[in-house]
Protein backbone atom coordinates (compact mmCIF):
# COMPACT_ATOMS: atom_id res chain seq x y z
CA UNK A 1 -1.24 -75.13 40.11
CA UNK A 2 -4.92 -74.37 39.54
CA UNK A 3 -6.44 -73.01 42.76
CA UNK A 4 -9.94 -74.22 41.83
CA UNK A 5 -8.64 -77.78 41.57
CA UNK A 6 -6.93 -77.35 44.95
CA UNK A 7 -10.23 -76.02 46.30
CA UNK A 8 -12.09 -79.07 45.00
CA UNK A 9 -9.73 -81.22 47.11
CA UNK A 10 -10.08 -79.02 50.21
CA UNK A 11 -12.80 -78.57 52.81
CA UNK A 12 -14.22 -75.53 51.01
CA UNK A 13 -17.61 -74.86 52.67
CA UNK A 14 -18.87 -73.15 49.49
CA UNK A 15 -18.35 -76.14 47.15
CA UNK A 16 -22.05 -76.79 46.68
CA UNK A 17 -23.03 -73.11 46.63
CA UNK A 18 -20.97 -71.87 43.68
CA UNK A 19 -21.46 -72.42 39.98
CA UNK A 20 -19.09 -75.08 38.62
CA UNK A 21 -17.29 -72.52 36.48
CA UNK A 22 -16.86 -68.84 35.76
CA UNK A 23 -18.16 -68.75 32.18
CA UNK A 24 -21.29 -70.18 30.58
CA UNK A 25 -21.62 -71.02 26.90
CA UNK A 26 -24.04 -73.95 26.46
CA UNK A 27 -22.52 -75.31 29.68
CA UNK A 28 -20.44 -74.07 32.61
CA UNK A 29 -16.72 -73.81 31.87
CA UNK A 30 -13.71 -73.26 34.09
CA UNK A 31 -12.30 -70.63 31.80
CA UNK A 32 -11.03 -68.10 34.35
CA UNK A 33 -8.36 -69.41 36.67
CA UNK A 34 -6.06 -68.41 39.47
CA UNK A 35 -2.76 -70.15 38.91
CA UNK A 36 -0.05 -70.28 41.56
CA UNK A 37 3.42 -71.75 41.77
CA UNK A 38 4.36 -74.58 44.11
CA UNK A 39 5.88 -72.16 46.64
CA UNK A 40 2.37 -70.79 47.39
CA UNK A 41 1.11 -74.21 48.52
CA UNK A 42 4.12 -75.66 50.32
CA UNK A 43 3.39 -74.16 53.77
CA UNK A 44 6.76 -72.46 54.04
CA UNK A 45 5.69 -68.80 53.98
CA UNK A 46 2.91 -66.94 52.17
CA UNK A 47 0.36 -69.51 51.00
CA UNK A 48 -2.88 -69.66 49.09
CA UNK A 49 -5.88 -70.82 51.17
CA UNK A 50 -7.73 -73.16 48.74
CA UNK A 51 -10.77 -73.47 51.01
CA UNK A 52 -11.42 -69.74 50.48
CA UNK A 53 -11.64 -70.01 46.67
CA UNK A 54 -14.87 -68.52 45.30
CA UNK A 55 -16.56 -68.04 41.97
CA UNK A 56 -18.39 -64.80 42.78
CA UNK A 57 -21.96 -65.36 41.62
CA UNK A 58 -23.76 -62.34 43.06
CA UNK A 59 -27.38 -61.91 41.96
CA UNK A 60 -26.62 -58.71 40.01
CA UNK A 61 -24.12 -60.65 37.85
CA UNK A 62 -26.60 -63.37 36.84
CA UNK A 63 -29.67 -63.74 34.70
CA UNK A 64 -32.16 -66.60 34.51
CA UNK A 65 -32.52 -67.92 30.97
CA UNK A 66 -34.82 -70.89 30.50
CA UNK A 67 -34.42 -71.92 34.13
CA UNK A 68 -30.60 -71.76 34.10
CA UNK A 69 -28.67 -69.05 35.93
CA UNK A 70 -26.00 -67.61 33.64
CA UNK A 71 -23.66 -64.61 33.77
CA UNK A 72 -25.14 -61.45 32.25
CA UNK A 73 -23.43 -60.74 28.96
CA UNK A 74 -21.74 -57.45 28.23
CA UNK A 75 -23.80 -55.16 26.01
CA UNK A 76 -21.52 -53.85 23.27
CA UNK A 77 -24.29 -51.59 21.96
CA UNK A 78 -24.85 -49.75 25.23
CA UNK A 79 -24.94 -45.97 25.34
CA UNK A 80 -24.00 -45.74 29.03
CA UNK A 81 -21.97 -47.72 31.57
CA UNK A 82 -25.17 -48.81 33.36
CA UNK A 83 -26.53 -50.31 30.13
CA UNK A 84 -23.20 -51.98 29.31
CA UNK A 85 -23.55 -54.47 32.16
CA UNK A 86 -20.70 -56.52 33.65
CA UNK A 87 -18.53 -59.02 31.86
CA UNK A 88 -19.94 -62.40 30.85
CA UNK A 89 -17.28 -64.01 33.05
CA UNK A 90 -17.77 -64.30 36.80
CA UNK A 91 -14.93 -63.14 39.06
CA UNK A 92 -12.78 -65.70 40.87
CA UNK A 93 -11.09 -64.89 44.19
CA UNK A 94 -8.99 -66.59 46.85
CA UNK A 95 -7.32 -65.45 50.07
CA UNK A 96 -3.61 -65.58 50.74
CA UNK A 97 -2.21 -66.41 54.17
CA UNK A 98 0.62 -64.06 55.11
CA UNK A 99 3.15 -65.20 57.71
CA UNK A 100 3.39 -63.31 61.00
């Protein structure tokens, strides 16, 4: 099961505050996913919390190109880690509920 789809159906308070995907190439794409099996959404033990799903879009990961915020692309020609920049994919995260 795709956790972002579960999040879309949940009461995720960040729905309107995240980009619609984790990768941008001419448009936002849901390229990076967190996939879980049915036993992580059935409420029987450890479960994923879909309302905590986030596409991490911190300012230092984004650039403004022609009025559109996009992930900063990796610089393959960099001479240092600072010049290399992060990946052109934004991180995706979700919390897991652990039973007592």
